[in-house]
Amino acid sequence: MMAKTIHLGDWVTYKPRATNGNTKVSEAPQVGQLIEQHLENGTTVNIVHNAKGQNDWTLAKHCQLVKRGTL
């Protein structure tokens, strides 16, 4: 099965990352809206706006599409 490409504005589930790059293991996957994608040292990083009104960053490989959205 081919994975769907995630676009800006889409709603995704994701695993939040700490500022040191480690996964926040105590947290369950979150739901949020993808607001930014960029490369850091060759790795795609996603910035997701969560339901608490905060922005989390996560690796693109840890995001899964929930539904299409727009910004």
PDB file of N, CA and C in Angstrom:
ATOM      1  N   MET A   1       0.842  -1.174   0.000  1.00  0.00           N
ATOM      2  CA  MET A   1       0.000   0.000   0.000  1.00  0.00           C
ATOM      3  C   MET A   1       0.891   1.243   0.000  1.00  0.00           C
ATOM      4  N   MET A   2       0.567   2.178  -0.844  1.00  0.00           N
ATOM      5  CA  MET A   2       1.372   3.387  -0.964  1.00  0.00           C
ATOM      6  C   MET A   2       0.914   4.420   0.054  1.00  0.00           C
ATOM      7  N   ALA A   3       1.850   5.009   0.773  1.00  0.00           N
ATOM      8  CA  ALA A   3       1.516   6.023   1.782  1.00  0.00           C
ATOM      9  C   ALA A   3       1.103   7.318   1.096  1.00  0.00           C
ATOM     10  N   LYS A   4       0.142   8.007   1.688  1.00  0.00           N
ATOM     11  CA  LYS A   4      -0.287   9.295   1.150  1.00  0.00           C
ATOM     12  C   LYS A   4       0.683  10.372   1.609  1.00  0.00           C
ATOM     13  N   THR A   5       0.979  11.281   0.698  1.00  0.00           N
ATOM     14  CA  THR A   5       1.866  12.390   1.014  1.00  0.00           C
ATOM     15  C   THR A   5       1.134  13.386   1.893  1.00  0.00           C
ATOM     16  N   ILE A   6       1.806  13.841   2.926  1.00  0.00           N
ATOM     17  CA  ILE A   6       1.221  14.818   3.844  1.00  0.00           C
ATOM     18  C   ILE A   6       1.559  16.214   3.336  1.00  0.00           C
ATOM     19  N   HIS A   7       0.558  17.086   3.311  1.00  0.00           N
ATOM     20  CA  HIS A   7       0.730  18.459   2.846  1.00  0.00           C
ATOM     21  C   HIS A   7       0.468  19.428   3.991  1.00  0.00           C
ATOM     22  N   LEU A   8       0.947  20.661   3.852  1.00  0.00           N
ATOM     23  CA  LEU A   8       0.673  21.686   4.851  1.00  0.00           C
ATOM     24  C   LEU A   8      -0.830  21.854   5.027  1.00  0.00           C
ATOM     25  N   GLY A   9      -1.265  21.956   6.268  1.00  0.00           N
ATOM     26  CA  GLY A   9      -2.679  22.104   6.586  1.00  0.00           C
ATOM     27  C   GLY A   9      -3.373  20.796   6.917  1.00  0.00           C
ATOM     28  N   ASP A  10      -2.756  19.659   6.576  1.00  0.00           N
ATOM     29  CA  ASP A  10      -3.360  18.357   6.867  1.00  0.00           C
ATOM     30  C   ASP A  10      -3.334  18.073   8.363  1.00  0.00           C
ATOM     31  N   TRP A  11      -4.320  17.316   8.813  1.00  0.00           N
ATOM     32  CA  TRP A  11      -4.374  16.859  10.198  1.00  0.00           C
ATOM     33  C   TRP A  11      -3.630  15.540  10.283  1.00  0.00           C
ATOM     34  N   VAL A  12      -2.738  15.425  11.269  1.00  0.00           N
ATOM     35  CA  VAL A  12      -1.871  14.262  11.389  1.00  0.00           C
ATOM     36  C   VAL A  12      -1.821  13.779  12.839  1.00  0.00           C
ATOM     37  N   THR A  13      -1.462  12.502  13.003  1.00  0.00           N
ATOM     38  CA  THR A  13      -1.048  12.015  14.315  1.00  0.00           C
ATOM     39  C   THR A  13       0.471  12.017  14.289  1.00  0.00           C
ATOM     40  N   TYR A  14       1.082  12.278  15.442  1.00  0.00           N
ATOM     41  CA  TYR A  14       2.538  12.393  15.485  1.00  0.00           C
ATOM     42  C   TYR A  14       3.044  12.096  16.883  1.00  0.00           C
ATOM     43  N   LYS A  15       4.331  11.782  16.959  1.00  0.00           N
ATOM     44  CA  LYS A  15       5.009  11.596  18.241  1.00  0.00           C
ATOM     45  C   LYS A  15       5.848  12.839  18.498  1.00  0.00           C
ATOM     46  N   PRO A  16       5.529  13.611  19.548  1.00  0.00           N
ATOM     47  CA  PRO A  16       6.288  14.835  19.830  1.00  0.00           C
ATOM     48  C   PRO A  16       7.756  14.534  20.127  1.00  0.00           C
ATOM     49  N   ARG A  17       8.623  15.481  19.794  1.00  0.00           N
ATOM     50  CA  ARG A  17      10.051  15.361  20.053  1.00  0.00           C
ATOM     51  C   ARG A  17      10.466  16.404  21.078  1.00  0.00           C
ATOM     52  N   ALA A  18      11.425  16.063  21.904  1.00  0.00           N
ATOM     53  CA  ALA A  18      11.997  17.019  22.853  1.00  0.00           C
ATOM     54  C   ALA A  18      12.979  17.916  22.103  1.00  0.00           C
ATOM     55  N   THR A  19      13.381  19.006  22.722  1.00  0.00           N
ATOM     56  CA  THR A  19      14.301  19.937  22.062  1.00  0.00           C
ATOM     57  C   THR A  19      15.665  19.318  21.790  1.00  0.00           C
ATOM     58  N   ASN A  20      16.012  18.251  22.519  1.00  0.00           N
ATOM     59  CA  ASN A  20      17.293  17.580  22.263  1.00  0.00           C
ATOM     60  C   ASN A  20      17.177  16.521  21.162  1.00  0.00           C
ATOM     61  N   GLY A  21      15.983  16.364  20.568  1.00  0.00           N
ATOM     62  CA  GLY A  21      15.797  15.440  19.457  1.00  0.00           C
ATOM     63  C   GLY A  21      15.248  14.088  19.837  1.00  0.00           C
ATOM     64  N   ASN A  22      15.186  13.769  21.126  1.00  0.00           N
ATOM     65  CA  ASN A  22      14.645  12.487  21.556  1.00  0.00           C
ATOM     66  C   ASN A  22      13.126  12.507  21.540  1.00  0.00           C
ATOM     67  N   THR A  23      12.520  11.330  21.316  1.00  0.00           N
ATOM     68  CA  THR A  23      11.069  11.229  21.379  1.00  0.00           C
ATOM     69  C   THR A  23      10.634  11.355  22.826  1.00  0.00           C
ATOM     70  N   LYS A  24       9.547  12.099  23.062  1.00  0.00           N
ATOM     71  CA  LYS A  24       8.994  12.203  24.412  1.00  0.00           C
ATOM     72  C   LYS A  24       8.229  10.910  24.684  1.00  0.00           C
ATOM     73  N   VAL A  25       8.911   9.928  25.254  1.00  0.00           N
ATOM     74  CA  VAL A  25       8.353   8.587  25.390  1.00  0.00           C
ATOM     75  C   VAL A  25       7.149   8.532  26.317  1.00  0.00           C
ATOM     76  N   SER A  26       7.023   9.481  27.229  1.00  0.00           N
ATOM     77  CA  SER A  26       5.908   9.438  28.169  1.00  0.00           C
ATOM     78  C   SER A  26       4.603   9.895  27.529  1.00  0.00           C
ATOM     79  N   GLU A  27       4.677  10.486  26.358  1.00  0.00           N
ATOM     80  CA  GLU A  27       3.477  11.009  25.722  1.00  0.00           C
ATOM     81  C   GLU A  27       2.963  10.060  24.652  1.00  0.00           C
ATOM     82  N   ALA A  28       1.631   9.907  24.624  1.00  0.00           N
ATOM     83  CA  ALA A  28       0.985   9.130  23.577  1.00  0.00           C
ATOM     84  C   ALA A  28       1.002   9.951  22.289  1.00  0.00           C
ATOM     85  N   PRO A  29       0.816   9.311  21.142  1.00  0.00           N
ATOM     86  CA  PRO A  29       0.731  10.084  19.898  1.00  0.00           C
ATOM     87  C   PRO A  29      -0.341  11.170  19.995  1.00  0.00           C
ATOM     88  N   GLN A  30      -0.041  12.326  19.435  1.00  0.00           N
ATOM     89  CA  GLN A  30      -0.917  13.492  19.487  1.00  0.00           C
ATOM     90  C   GLN A  30      -1.548  13.730  18.120  1.00  0.00           C
ATOM     91  N   VAL A  31      -2.582  14.569  18.086  1.00  0.00           N
ATOM     92  CA  VAL A  31      -3.210  14.978  16.833  1.00  0.00           C
ATOM     93  C   VAL A  31      -3.014  16.471  16.683  1.00  0.00           C
ATOM     94  N   GLY A  32      -2.663  16.899  15.491  1.00  0.00           N
ATOM     95  CA  GLY A  32      -2.484  18.323  15.236  1.00  0.00           C
ATOM     96  C   GLY A  32      -2.488  18.616  13.752  1.00  0.00           C
ATOM     97  N   GLN A  33      -2.349  19.898  13.424  1.00  0.00           N
ATOM     98  CA  GLN A  33      -2.356  20.340  12.033  1.00  0.00           C
ATOM     99  C   GLN A  33      -0.936  20.700  11.609  1.00  0.00           C
ATOM    100  N   LEU A  34      -0.506  20.147  10.484  1.00  0.00           N
ATOM    101  CA  LEU A  34       0.837  20.393   9.970  1.00  0.00           C
ATOM    102  C   LEU A  34       0.941  21.828   9.463  1.00  0.00           C
ATOM    103  N   ILE A  35       1.874  22.613  10.036  1.00  0.00           N
ATOM    104  CA  ILE A  35       1.997  24.017   9.643  1.00  0.00           C
ATOM    105  C   ILE A  35       3.328  24.347   8.977  1.00  0.00           C
ATOM    106  N   GLU A  36       4.310  23.456   9.071  1.00  0.00           N
ATOM    107  CA  GLU A  36       5.616  23.743   8.459  1.00  0.00           C
ATOM    108  C   GLU A  36       6.370  22.451   8.225  1.00  0.00           C
ATOM    109  N   GLN A  37       7.129  22.401   7.135  1.00  0.00           N
ATOM    110  CA  GLN A  37       8.042  21.300   6.845  1.00  0.00           C
ATOM    111  C   GLN A  37       9.354  21.910   6.380  1.00  0.00           C
ATOM    112  N   HIS A  38      10.469  21.395   6.886  1.00  0.00           N
ATOM    113  CA  HIS A  38      11.770  21.851   6.420  1.00  0.00           C
ATOM    114  C   HIS A  38      12.818  20.770   6.657  1.00  0.00           C
ATOM    115  N   LEU A  39      13.989  20.966   6.076  1.00  0.00           N
ATOM    116  CA  LEU A  39      15.096  20.023   6.234  1.00  0.00           C
ATOM    117  C   LEU A  39      16.079  20.531   7.271  1.00  0.00           C
ATOM    118  N   GLU A  40      16.527  19.629   8.131  1.00  0.00           N
ATOM    119  CA  GLU A  40      17.601  19.911   9.080  1.00  0.00           C
ATOM    120  C   GLU A  40      18.627  18.804   8.931  1.00  0.00           C
ATOM    121  N   ASN A  41      19.793  19.154   8.438  1.00  0.00           N
ATOM    122  CA  ASN A  41      20.873  18.178   8.229  1.00  0.00           C
ATOM    123  C   ASN A  41      20.414  16.990   7.391  1.00  0.00           C
ATOM    124  N   GLY A  42      19.609  17.245   6.364  1.00  0.00           N
ATOM    125  CA  GLY A  42      19.151  16.197   5.465  1.00  0.00           C
ATOM    126  C   GLY A  42      17.953  15.407   5.955  1.00  0.00           C
ATOM    127  N   THR A  43      17.395  15.746   7.105  1.00  0.00           N
ATOM    128  CA  THR A  43      16.234  15.052   7.661  1.00  0.00           C
ATOM    129  C   THR A  43      15.023  15.973   7.612  1.00  0.00           C
ATOM    130  N   THR A  44      13.887  15.450   7.115  1.00  0.00           N
ATOM    131  CA  THR A  44      12.672  16.258   7.054  1.00  0.00           C
ATOM    132  C   THR A  44      12.057  16.376   8.437  1.00  0.00           C
ATOM    133  N   VAL A  45      11.807  17.617   8.845  1.00  0.00           N
ATOM    134  CA  VAL A  45      11.225  17.918  10.149  1.00  0.00           C
ATOM    135  C   VAL A  45       9.871  18.580   9.925  1.00  0.00           C
ATOM    136  N   ASN A  46       8.868  18.155  10.675  1.00  0.00           N
ATOM    137  CA  ASN A  46       7.531  18.736  10.604  1.00  0.00           C
ATOM    138  C   ASN A  46       7.250  19.530  11.868  1.00  0.00           C
ATOM    139  N   ILE A  47       6.608  20.679  11.717  1.00  0.00           N
ATOM    140  CA  ILE A  47       6.120  21.467  12.842  1.00  0.00           C
ATOM    141  C   ILE A  47       4.605  21.316  12.837  1.00  0.00           C
ATOM    142  N   VAL A  48       4.048  20.869  13.967  1.00  0.00           N
ATOM    143  CA  VAL A  48       2.620  20.576  14.074  1.00  0.00           C
ATOM    144  C   VAL A  48       2.009  21.440  15.167  1.00  0.00           C
ATOM    145  N   HIS A  49       0.885  22.080  14.848  1.00  0.00           N
ATOM    146  CA  HIS A  49       0.140  22.890  15.822  1.00  0.00           C
ATOM    147  C   HIS A  49      -0.877  21.963  16.488  1.00  0.00           C
ATOM    148  N   ASN A  50      -0.732  21.752  17.805  1.00  0.00           N
ATOM    149  CA  ASN A  50      -1.588  20.779  18.488  1.00  0.00           C
ATOM    150  C   ASN A  50      -2.850  21.415  19.065  1.00  0.00           C
ATOM    151  N   ALA A  51      -3.711  20.592  19.641  1.00  0.00           N
ATOM    152  CA  ALA A  51      -4.991  21.049  20.187  1.00  0.00           C
ATOM    153  C   ALA A  51      -4.818  21.966  21.393  1.00  0.00           C
ATOM    154  N   LYS A  52      -3.661  21.932  22.040  1.00  0.00           N
ATOM    155  CA  LYS A  52      -3.395  22.798  23.193  1.00  0.00           C
ATOM    156  C   LYS A  52      -2.937  24.186  22.763  1.00  0.00           C
ATOM    157  N   GLY A  53      -2.818  24.416  21.455  1.00  0.00           N
ATOM    158  CA  GLY A  53      -2.390  25.707  20.949  1.00  0.00           C
ATOM    159  C   GLY A  53      -0.887  25.887  20.917  1.00  0.00           C
ATOM    160  N   GLN A  54      -0.145  24.793  21.042  1.00  0.00           N
ATOM    161  CA  GLN A  54       1.317  24.855  21.035  1.00  0.00           C
ATOM    162  C   GLN A  54       1.846  24.225  19.755  1.00  0.00           C
ATOM    163  N   ASN A  55       3.058  24.586  19.392  1.00  0.00           N
ATOM    164  CA  ASN A  55       3.710  23.987  18.232  1.00  0.00           C
ATOM    165  C   ASN A  55       4.721  22.954  18.703  1.00  0.00           C
ATOM    166  N   ASP A  56       4.616  21.746  18.163  1.00  0.00           N
ATOM    167  CA  ASP A  56       5.559  20.663  18.447  1.00  0.00           C
ATOM    168  C   ASP A  56       6.331  20.366  17.177  1.00  0.00           C
ATOM    169  N   TRP A  57       7.550  19.885  17.331  1.00  0.00           N
ATOM    170  CA  TRP A  57       8.270  19.428  16.154  1.00  0.00           C
ATOM    171  C   TRP A  57       8.456  17.931  16.240  1.00  0.00           C
ATOM    172  N   THR A  58       8.464  17.292  15.079  1.00  0.00           N
ATOM    173  CA  THR A  58       8.566  15.854  14.985  1.00  0.00           C
ATOM    174  C   THR A  58       9.230  15.494  13.665  1.00  0.00           C
ATOM    175  N   LEU A  59       9.757  14.317  13.578  1.00  0.00           N
ATOM    176  CA  LEU A  59      10.314  13.848  12.318  1.00  0.00           C
ATOM    177  C   LEU A  59       9.177  13.455  11.383  1.00  0.00           C
ATOM    178  N   ALA A  60       9.381  13.667  10.098  1.00  0.00           N
ATOM    179  CA  ALA A  60       8.343  13.365   9.112  1.00  0.00           C
ATOM    180  C   ALA A  60       7.934  11.893   9.167  1.00  0.00           C
ATOM    181  N   LYS A  61       8.877  11.008   9.459  1.00  0.00           N
ATOM    182  CA  LYS A  61       8.552   9.578   9.493  1.00  0.00           C
ATOM    183  C   LYS A  61       7.636   9.217  10.663  1.00  0.00           C
ATOM    184  N   HIS A  62       7.469  10.113  11.636  1.00  0.00           N
ATOM    185  CA  HIS A  62       6.591   9.856  12.774  1.00  0.00           C
ATOM    186  C   HIS A  62       5.213  10.491  12.617  1.00  0.00           C
ATOM    187  N   CYS A  63       4.909  11.008  11.423  1.00  0.00           N
ATOM    188  CA  CYS A  63       3.598  11.618  11.155  1.00  0.00           C
ATOM    189  C   CYS A  63       2.772  10.703  10.263  1.00  0.00           C
ATOM    190  N   GLN A  64       1.482  10.596  10.578  1.00  0.00           N
ATOM    191  CA  GLN A  64       0.561   9.838   9.742  1.00  0.00           C
ATOM    192  C   GLN A  64      -0.661  10.692   9.468  1.00  0.00           C
ATOM    193  N   LEU A  65      -1.130  10.652   8.233  1.00  0.00           N
ATOM    194  CA  LEU A  65      -2.274  11.445   7.807  1.00  0.00           C
ATOM    195  C   LEU A  65      -3.553  10.978   8.494  1.00  0.00           C
ATOM    196  N   VAL A  66      -4.323  11.926   9.049  1.00  0.00           N
ATOM    197  CA  VAL A  66      -5.642  11.638   9.605  1.00  0.00           C
ATOM    198  C   VAL A  66      -6.699  12.070   8.602  1.00  0.00           C
ATOM    199  N   LYS A  67      -6.642  13.338   8.182  1.00  0.00           N
ATOM    200  CA  LYS A  67      -7.549  13.828   7.142  1.00  0.00           C
ATOM    201  C   LYS A  67      -6.951  15.062   6.495  1.00  0.00           C
ATOM    202  N   ARG A  68      -7.394  15.331   5.289  1.00  0.00           N
ATOM    203  CA  ARG A  68      -6.913  16.493   4.546  1.00  0.00           C
ATOM    204  C   ARG A  68      -7.438  17.769   5.171  1.00  0.00           C
ATOM    205  N   GLY A  69      -6.633  18.815   5.127  1.00  0.00           N
ATOM    206  CA  GLY A  69      -7.030  20.106   5.660  1.00  0.00           C
ATOM    207  C   GLY A  69      -6.375  21.217   4.873  1.00  0.00           C
ATOM    208  N   THR A  70      -6.683  22.454   5.236  1.00  0.00           N
ATOM    209  CA  THR A  70      -6.072  23.614   4.591  1.00  0.00           C
ATOM    210  C   THR A  70      -5.642  24.597   5.658  1.00  0.00           C
ATOM    211  N   LEU A  71      -4.667  25.401   5.328  1.00  0.00           N
ATOM    212  CA  LEU A  71      -4.223  26.454   6.244  1.00  0.00           C
ATOM    213  C   LEU A  71      -5.004  27.710   5.992  1.00  0.00           C
TER     214      LEU A  71
END
